[in-house]
N, C-alpha and C. Protein backbone atom coordinates (compact mmCIF):
# COMPACT_ATOMS: atom_id res chain seq x y z
N MET A 1 -51.40 3.44 6.26
CA MET A 1 -51.93 4.71 6.35
C MET A 1 -51.08 5.42 7.69
N PHE A 2 -50.81 6.69 7.50
CA PHE A 2 -50.23 7.37 8.51
C PHE A 2 -51.01 8.74 8.83
N ILE A 3 -51.35 8.77 10.37
CA ILE A 3 -51.98 9.92 10.76
C ILE A 3 -51.13 10.42 11.87
N GLY A 4 -51.12 11.66 11.80
CA GLY A 4 -50.19 12.40 12.93
C GLY A 4 -50.93 13.37 13.60
N ILE A 5 -51.42 12.97 14.82
CA ILE A 5 -52.34 13.95 15.65
C ILE A 5 -51.55 14.78 16.58
N GLN A 6 -51.75 15.95 16.52
CA GLN A 6 -50.82 16.98 17.04
C GLN A 6 -50.87 17.25 18.40
N ASN A 7 -52.31 17.24 19.00
CA ASN A 7 -52.38 17.26 20.57
C ASN A 7 -53.47 16.53 21.05
N GLU A 8 -53.77 16.67 22.21
CA GLU A 8 -55.01 16.13 22.96
C GLU A 8 -56.30 16.84 22.21
N ARG A 9 -56.32 17.93 22.12
CA ARG A 9 -57.42 18.66 21.43
C ARG A 9 -57.72 18.06 19.93
N GLU A 10 -56.90 17.75 19.24
CA GLU A 10 -57.06 17.19 17.91
C GLU A 10 -57.40 15.54 18.11
N TRP A 11 -56.91 15.08 19.08
CA TRP A 11 -57.23 13.50 19.18
C TRP A 11 -58.75 13.39 19.52
N GLU A 12 -59.25 14.37 20.39
CA GLU A 12 -60.63 14.23 20.95
C GLU A 12 -61.53 14.66 19.71
N LYS A 13 -61.16 15.69 18.75
CA LYS A 13 -61.82 16.10 17.92
C LYS A 13 -61.84 14.89 16.61
N PHE A 14 -60.50 14.30 16.34
CA PHE A 14 -60.40 13.02 15.61
C PHE A 14 -61.43 11.93 15.85
N CYS A 15 -61.49 11.62 17.06
CA CYS A 15 -62.14 10.48 17.73
C CYS A 15 -63.77 10.75 17.29
N ASP A 16 -64.13 11.92 17.81
CA ASP A 16 -65.60 12.18 17.63
C ASP A 16 -66.08 12.72 16.31
N LEU A 17 -65.46 13.51 15.59
CA LEU A 17 -65.79 13.93 14.22
C LEU A 17 -65.42 13.00 12.99
N VAL A 18 -64.16 12.48 12.86
CA VAL A 18 -63.65 11.73 12.04
C VAL A 18 -64.05 10.59 12.04
N LEU A 19 -63.52 9.60 13.27
CA LEU A 19 -64.07 8.38 13.30
C LEU A 19 -65.41 8.12 13.90
N GLU A 20 -65.99 9.08 14.33
CA GLU A 20 -67.44 9.08 14.90
C GLU A 20 -67.58 7.99 16.11
N ARG A 21 -66.55 7.85 16.70
CA ARG A 21 -66.27 7.07 17.98
C ARG A 21 -65.70 7.93 19.12
N PRO A 22 -66.58 8.78 19.71
CA PRO A 22 -66.01 9.93 20.83
C PRO A 22 -65.55 8.96 22.08
N GLU A 23 -65.81 7.80 22.24
CA GLU A 23 -65.46 7.12 23.40
C GLU A 23 -64.01 6.58 23.21
N LEU A 24 -63.34 6.55 22.14
CA LEU A 24 -62.05 6.31 22.01
C LEU A 24 -61.15 7.07 22.67
N ALA A 25 -61.50 8.37 22.71
CA ALA A 25 -60.67 9.62 23.16
C ALA A 25 -60.23 9.09 24.80
N SER A 26 -61.29 8.62 25.33
CA SER A 26 -61.02 8.47 26.62
C SER A 26 -60.76 6.93 27.12
N ASP A 27 -60.79 6.22 26.20
CA ASP A 27 -60.44 4.81 26.41
C ASP A 27 -59.02 4.66 26.91
N GLU A 28 -59.02 3.92 27.86
CA GLU A 28 -57.28 3.87 28.58
C GLU A 28 -56.24 3.52 27.99
N ARG A 29 -56.47 2.81 26.70
CA ARG A 29 -55.41 2.39 25.79
C ARG A 29 -54.97 3.40 24.85
N PHE A 30 -55.78 4.57 24.83
CA PHE A 30 -55.36 5.60 23.78
C PHE A 30 -55.64 6.94 24.34
N ASP A 31 -55.64 7.08 25.70
CA ASP A 31 -56.11 8.48 26.42
C ASP A 31 -54.81 9.39 26.67
N THR A 32 -53.75 8.97 26.12
CA THR A 32 -52.46 9.79 26.15
C THR A 32 -51.67 9.39 24.76
N ASN A 33 -50.98 10.43 24.31
CA ASN A 33 -50.16 10.14 23.25
C ASN A 33 -48.98 8.93 23.40
N SER A 34 -48.64 8.75 24.75
CA SER A 34 -47.69 7.70 24.61
C SER A 34 -48.51 6.34 24.78
N ARG A 35 -49.54 6.30 25.39
CA ARG A 35 -50.49 5.11 25.42
C ARG A 35 -50.72 4.62 23.98
N ARG A 36 -51.12 5.72 23.17
CA ARG A 36 -51.40 5.36 21.69
C ARG A 36 -50.34 4.88 21.09
N VAL A 37 -49.12 5.36 21.24
CA VAL A 37 -47.98 4.69 20.71
C VAL A 37 -47.67 3.16 21.21
N GLU A 38 -48.13 3.11 22.52
CA GLU A 38 -47.70 1.56 23.17
C GLU A 38 -48.65 0.65 22.54
N ASN A 39 -50.02 1.10 22.23
CA ASN A 39 -51.30 0.41 21.82
C ASN A 39 -51.40 0.63 20.27
N HIS A 40 -50.34 0.95 19.54
CA HIS A 40 -50.48 1.22 18.16
C HIS A 40 -51.28 0.07 17.10
N ASP A 41 -50.88 -0.96 17.61
CA ASP A 41 -51.55 -2.12 16.56
C ASP A 41 -53.28 -1.98 17.01
N ALA A 42 -53.58 -2.14 18.11
CA ALA A 42 -55.06 -1.92 18.54
C ALA A 42 -55.69 -0.46 17.86
N LEU A 43 -54.91 0.63 18.09
CA LEU A 43 -55.39 1.56 17.77
C LEU A 43 -55.40 1.61 16.17
N ASP A 44 -54.48 1.14 15.38
CA ASP A 44 -54.46 1.01 13.82
C ASP A 44 -55.74 0.25 13.37
N GLU A 45 -56.14 -0.68 14.12
CA GLU A 45 -57.25 -1.63 14.00
C GLU A 45 -58.40 -0.82 14.15
N GLU A 46 -58.56 -0.09 14.94
CA GLU A 46 -59.90 0.96 15.10
C GLU A 46 -59.72 1.75 14.06
N ILE A 47 -58.72 2.38 13.73
CA ILE A 47 -58.88 3.60 12.82
C ILE A 47 -59.07 2.85 11.49
N GLU A 48 -58.41 1.82 11.25
CA GLU A 48 -58.65 1.06 9.66
C GLU A 48 -60.14 0.50 9.59
N GLY A 49 -60.75 0.27 10.86
CA GLY A 49 -61.99 -0.12 10.89
C GLY A 49 -62.97 0.90 10.25
N VAL A 50 -62.76 1.88 10.52
CA VAL A 50 -63.39 3.09 10.17
C VAL A 50 -63.23 3.61 8.78
N PHE A 51 -61.91 3.95 8.73
CA PHE A 51 -61.51 4.44 7.34
C PHE A 51 -61.86 3.44 6.25
N GLY A 52 -61.72 2.06 6.42
CA GLY A 52 -61.92 0.94 5.49
C GLY A 52 -63.32 1.35 4.63
N GLY A 53 -64.26 1.93 5.55
CA GLY A 53 -65.38 2.15 4.87
C GLY A 53 -65.84 3.38 4.59
N LEU A 54 -64.92 4.28 4.22
CA LEU A 54 -64.90 5.58 3.83
C LEU A 54 -64.14 5.67 2.49
N SER A 55 -64.80 6.59 1.73
CA SER A 55 -63.94 7.02 0.47
C SER A 55 -63.13 7.91 0.82
N GLY A 56 -62.04 8.13 -0.35
CA GLY A 56 -61.05 9.18 0.26
C GLY A 56 -61.62 10.40 0.38
N GLU A 57 -62.85 10.89 -0.42
CA GLU A 57 -63.44 12.22 -0.40
C GLU A 57 -64.04 12.34 1.26
N GLU A 58 -64.74 11.14 1.54
CA GLU A 58 -65.47 11.22 2.89
C GLU A 58 -64.39 11.35 4.11
N ALA A 59 -63.22 10.80 3.89
CA ALA A 59 -62.18 10.77 4.95
C ALA A 59 -61.83 12.28 5.11
N ILE A 60 -61.16 13.05 3.84
CA ILE A 60 -60.77 14.08 3.92
C ILE A 60 -61.91 15.16 4.41
N GLU A 61 -63.39 15.03 3.99
CA GLU A 61 -64.40 15.75 4.62
C GLU A 61 -64.23 15.64 6.07
N ARG A 62 -64.32 14.82 6.50
CA ARG A 62 -64.15 14.74 8.15
C ARG A 62 -62.99 15.32 8.73
N LEU A 63 -61.87 15.09 8.03
CA LEU A 63 -60.67 15.69 8.64
C LEU A 63 -60.91 17.25 8.44
N GLU A 64 -61.36 17.73 7.38
CA GLU A 64 -61.41 19.08 7.28
C GLU A 64 -62.61 19.83 8.45
N GLU A 65 -63.62 18.98 8.52
CA GLU A 65 -64.60 19.51 9.56
C GLU A 65 -63.92 19.77 10.74
N ALA A 66 -63.03 18.72 11.24
CA ALA A 66 -62.41 18.55 12.43
C ALA A 66 -61.19 19.32 12.46
N GLN A 67 -60.96 20.11 11.32
CA GLN A 67 -59.73 21.05 11.42
C GLN A 67 -58.51 20.52 11.64
N ILE A 68 -58.52 19.30 11.10
CA ILE A 68 -57.09 18.62 11.25
C ILE A 68 -56.46 18.63 9.82
N ALA A 69 -55.01 19.07 9.97
CA ALA A 69 -54.34 19.30 8.94
C ALA A 69 -54.17 17.90 8.01
N ASN A 70 -54.29 17.78 6.85
CA ASN A 70 -54.13 16.60 6.08
C ASN A 70 -53.75 16.85 4.82
N ALA A 71 -53.47 15.69 4.05
CA ALA A 71 -53.17 16.06 2.55
C ALA A 71 -53.48 14.43 1.95
N ARG A 72 -53.88 14.74 0.83
CA ARG A 72 -54.41 13.55 0.02
C ARG A 72 -53.10 13.10 -0.59
N MET A 73 -53.00 11.74 -0.43
CA MET A 73 -51.79 10.84 -1.10
C MET A 73 -52.42 10.71 -2.59
N ARG A 74 -51.47 11.06 -3.51
CA ARG A 74 -52.08 10.95 -5.08
C ARG A 74 -51.39 9.94 -5.65
N SER A 75 -51.66 9.39 -6.69
CA SER A 75 -50.91 8.18 -7.36
C SER A 75 -50.25 9.35 -8.43
N VAL A 76 -49.33 8.68 -9.28
CA VAL A 76 -48.61 9.41 -10.04
C VAL A 76 -49.52 10.04 -11.37
N GLU A 77 -50.50 9.13 -11.63
CA GLU A 77 -51.36 9.67 -12.61
C GLU A 77 -52.33 10.77 -12.10
N ASP A 78 -52.69 10.70 -10.82
CA ASP A 78 -53.43 11.90 -10.25
C ASP A 78 -52.48 13.25 -10.22
N PHE A 79 -51.03 13.10 -9.79
CA PHE A 79 -50.05 13.99 -9.80
C PHE A 79 -50.03 14.76 -11.37
N LEU A 80 -49.70 13.78 -12.36
CA LEU A 80 -49.56 14.30 -13.51
C LEU A 80 -50.96 15.09 -14.07
N ASP A 81 -52.08 14.51 -13.70
CA ASP A 81 -53.31 15.23 -14.22
C ASP A 81 -54.05 16.44 -13.42
N HIS A 82 -53.20 16.67 -12.36
CA HIS A 82 -53.60 17.62 -11.49
C HIS A 82 -53.81 19.05 -12.10
N PRO A 83 -55.02 19.45 -12.05
CA PRO A 83 -55.25 20.58 -12.55
C PRO A 83 -54.51 21.93 -12.25
N GLN A 84 -53.76 21.99 -11.07
CA GLN A 84 -52.92 23.25 -10.79
C GLN A 84 -51.76 23.00 -11.66
N LEU A 85 -51.26 22.13 -12.21
CA LEU A 85 -50.08 22.23 -12.90
C LEU A 85 -50.39 22.87 -14.34
N GLN A 86 -51.52 22.32 -14.85
CA GLN A 86 -52.08 22.96 -15.95
C GLN A 86 -52.53 24.41 -15.95
N ALA A 87 -52.98 24.79 -14.95
CA ALA A 87 -53.60 26.28 -14.71
C ALA A 87 -52.06 27.05 -14.21
N ARG A 88 -51.21 26.67 -13.77
CA ARG A 88 -50.12 27.38 -13.62
C ARG A 88 -48.90 27.22 -14.69
N ASP A 89 -49.46 26.49 -15.60
CA ASP A 89 -48.43 26.66 -16.97
C ASP A 89 -47.12 25.87 -16.42
N ARG A 90 -47.17 24.58 -15.81
CA ARG A 90 -45.83 24.28 -15.30
C ARG A 90 -45.53 22.96 -16.44
N TRP A 91 -46.14 22.74 -17.54
CA TRP A 91 -45.57 21.92 -18.39
C TRP A 91 -44.96 22.54 -19.68
N ARG A 92 -43.65 21.91 -20.20
CA ARG A 92 -42.99 22.20 -21.31
C ARG A 92 -42.69 21.06 -22.16
N GLU A 93 -42.75 21.25 -23.49
CA GLU A 93 -42.29 20.27 -24.35
C GLU A 93 -40.68 20.18 -24.63
N VAL A 94 -40.13 19.05 -24.28
CA VAL A 94 -38.87 18.79 -24.59
C VAL A 94 -38.59 17.62 -25.55
N GLY A 95 -37.46 18.05 -26.26
CA GLY A 95 -36.88 16.74 -27.19
C GLY A 95 -36.45 15.63 -26.52
N SER A 96 -36.32 14.68 -27.11
CA SER A 96 -35.74 13.39 -26.47
C SER A 96 -35.53 12.28 -28.07
N PRO A 97 -34.36 11.53 -27.53
CA PRO A 97 -34.40 10.56 -28.62
C PRO A 97 -35.30 9.85 -29.19
N SER A 98 -36.59 9.69 -28.30
CA SER A 98 -37.71 8.80 -28.53
C SER A 98 -38.81 9.94 -29.24
N GLY A 99 -38.43 11.16 -29.15
CA GLY A 99 -39.62 12.15 -29.68
C GLY A 99 -39.93 13.05 -28.51
N PRO A 100 -40.86 14.01 -28.92
CA PRO A 100 -41.04 15.05 -27.70
C PRO A 100 -41.70 14.50 -26.42
N LEU A 101 -41.41 15.02 -25.50
CA LEU A 101 -41.74 14.50 -24.13
C LEU A 101 -42.50 15.91 -23.29
N GLN A 102 -43.41 15.84 -22.48
CA GLN A 102 -43.76 16.61 -21.51
C GLN A 102 -42.91 16.63 -20.28
N ALA A 103 -42.55 17.84 -19.85
CA ALA A 103 -41.55 17.89 -18.77
C ALA A 103 -41.99 19.09 -17.84
N LEU A 104 -41.92 18.82 -16.50
CA LEU A 104 -42.34 19.83 -15.44
C LEU A 104 -41.08 20.71 -15.60
N ILE A 105 -41.52 22.11 -15.56
CA ILE A 105 -40.53 22.78 -15.15
C ILE A 105 -40.17 22.99 -13.59
N PRO A 106 -38.87 23.44 -13.54
CA PRO A 106 -38.40 23.37 -12.05
C PRO A 106 -39.15 24.02 -11.20
N PRO A 107 -39.45 23.66 -9.95
CA PRO A 107 -40.30 24.32 -8.87
C PRO A 107 -40.05 25.68 -8.60
N VAL A 108 -38.72 26.49 -8.64
CA VAL A 108 -38.56 27.72 -8.32
C VAL A 108 -38.61 28.62 -9.78
N THR A 109 -39.68 29.63 -10.03
CA THR A 109 -39.72 30.36 -11.02
C THR A 109 -39.81 31.80 -10.82
N ALA A 110 -39.35 32.76 -11.69
CA ALA A 110 -39.57 33.98 -11.45
C ALA A 110 -40.12 34.65 -12.66
N ASP A 111 -41.10 35.89 -12.56
CA ASP A 111 -41.75 36.59 -13.54
C ASP A 111 -40.52 37.22 -14.45
N GLY A 112 -40.85 36.76 -15.82
CA GLY A 112 -39.98 37.35 -16.86
C GLY A 112 -38.67 36.41 -17.03
N TRP A 113 -38.63 35.32 -16.33
CA TRP A 113 -37.45 34.55 -16.56
C TRP A 113 -38.00 33.03 -16.80
N GLU A 114 -37.68 32.52 -17.85
CA GLU A 114 -37.85 31.13 -18.29
C GLU A 114 -37.02 30.21 -18.03
N SER A 115 -37.33 28.92 -17.27
CA SER A 115 -36.45 27.88 -16.97
C SER A 115 -35.84 27.30 -18.36
N VAL A 116 -34.52 26.88 -18.21
CA VAL A 116 -33.98 26.52 -19.45
C VAL A 116 -34.30 24.82 -19.47
N MET A 117 -34.85 24.71 -20.44
CA MET A 117 -35.46 23.11 -20.60
C MET A 117 -34.84 22.41 -22.01
N LYS A 118 -33.76 21.77 -21.86
CA LYS A 118 -32.72 21.39 -23.02
C LYS A 118 -33.39 19.84 -23.37
N PRO A 119 -33.23 19.58 -24.54
CA PRO A 119 -33.62 18.06 -24.74
C PRO A 119 -32.86 16.98 -24.03
N VAL A 120 -33.63 15.88 -23.85
CA VAL A 120 -33.11 14.87 -23.03
C VAL A 120 -31.93 14.22 -23.95
N PRO A 121 -30.88 14.14 -23.48
CA PRO A 121 -29.59 13.68 -24.15
C PRO A 121 -29.68 12.27 -24.72
N GLU A 122 -28.94 11.85 -25.59
CA GLU A 122 -28.90 10.56 -26.03
C GLU A 122 -27.93 9.74 -24.85
N ILE A 123 -28.21 8.49 -24.95
CA ILE A 123 -27.11 7.73 -23.87
C ILE A 123 -26.01 7.70 -24.39
N GLY A 124 -24.84 8.43 -23.41
CA GLY A 124 -23.51 8.65 -23.72
C GLY A 124 -23.09 9.76 -24.32
N GLN A 125 -24.17 10.75 -24.66
CA GLN A 125 -24.01 11.97 -25.49
C GLN A 125 -22.77 13.05 -24.82
N HIS A 126 -22.81 12.86 -23.67
CA HIS A 126 -21.79 13.81 -22.99
C HIS A 126 -20.74 13.23 -22.29
N THR A 127 -20.74 11.84 -22.16
CA THR A 127 -19.66 11.15 -21.58
C THR A 127 -18.22 11.63 -21.73
N GLU A 128 -17.87 11.94 -23.02
CA GLU A 128 -16.56 12.28 -23.41
C GLU A 128 -16.11 13.85 -22.79
N ALA A 129 -17.10 14.50 -22.84
CA ALA A 129 -16.98 15.97 -22.13
C ALA A 129 -16.96 15.87 -20.83
N ILE A 130 -17.64 15.23 -20.21
CA ILE A 130 -17.67 14.80 -18.60
C ILE A 130 -16.50 14.43 -18.07
N LEU A 131 -15.84 13.25 -18.96
CA LEU A 131 -14.51 12.78 -18.63
C LEU A 131 -13.40 13.54 -18.86
N GLU A 132 -13.56 14.38 -19.85
CA GLU A 132 -12.49 15.39 -20.05
C GLU A 132 -12.42 16.46 -18.83
N GLU A 133 -13.60 16.97 -18.46
CA GLU A 133 -13.84 17.77 -17.48
C GLU A 133 -13.33 17.29 -16.05
N LEU A 134 -13.38 16.02 -15.92
CA LEU A 134 -12.84 15.30 -14.76
C LEU A 134 -11.11 14.91 -14.79
N GLY A 135 -10.83 15.33 -15.99
CA GLY A 135 -9.44 15.34 -16.07
C GLY A 135 -8.70 13.87 -16.76
N PHE A 136 -9.64 13.20 -17.40
CA PHE A 136 -9.09 11.94 -17.97
C PHE A 136 -8.37 12.32 -19.57
N GLU A 137 -7.32 11.90 -19.78
CA GLU A 137 -6.70 11.95 -20.80
C GLU A 137 -7.47 11.31 -22.17
N SER A 138 -7.45 11.94 -23.31
CA SER A 138 -8.08 11.25 -24.40
C SER A 138 -7.63 9.86 -24.63
N GLU A 139 -6.55 9.35 -24.47
CA GLU A 139 -6.06 7.98 -24.71
C GLU A 139 -7.02 7.04 -23.56
N THR A 140 -7.10 7.66 -22.73
CA THR A 140 -7.91 6.84 -21.23
C THR A 140 -9.14 6.85 -21.80
N ILE A 141 -9.73 7.58 -22.24
CA ILE A 141 -11.32 8.05 -22.63
C ILE A 141 -11.59 6.99 -23.66
N SER A 142 -10.58 7.02 -24.87
CA SER A 142 -10.59 5.93 -25.99
C SER A 142 -10.62 4.44 -25.55
N ALA A 143 -9.64 4.31 -24.51
CA ALA A 143 -9.55 2.94 -23.83
C ALA A 143 -10.80 2.35 -22.98
N LEU A 144 -11.54 3.38 -22.54
CA LEU A 144 -12.70 3.02 -21.66
C LEU A 144 -13.69 2.79 -22.42
N ARG A 145 -14.00 3.78 -23.80
CA ARG A 145 -15.20 3.35 -25.04
C ARG A 145 -14.74 1.79 -25.29
N GLN A 146 -13.40 1.59 -25.72
CA GLN A 146 -13.36 0.12 -26.54
C GLN A 146 -13.69 -1.14 -25.34
N ALA A 147 -13.21 -0.61 -24.12
CA ALA A 147 -13.61 -1.74 -23.08
C ALA A 147 -15.35 -1.91 -22.97
């Protein structure tokens, strides 16, 4: 778990509203950022003791209430199923040697312009063209293929 508190005001709110342990804000082991760094093992233990009993939703709710910037860490499945990707029409079907696949369009898009989403190439499909572009002679390319 990684938590980045930006200033002392956030630290106090974090202790009070998120951890529900306001006394930690003035604990001499944690009352300044440098002391929190020095005593990070003990601090991690305190934080994990609280967060271990919370669901992800509860932790986010507390961080939001304290107005501490946060982001949920998602699994690949959470990412792929995220409703914003569907709502923003970010998926396209592309061909592949194994059949059609769903692929995300590039992150930068513009109105009236569709991203080029070509099929996934076969293994080695473009090898010869790339080697020629790099200046290899056809005899060398043939020797590489045989090797």
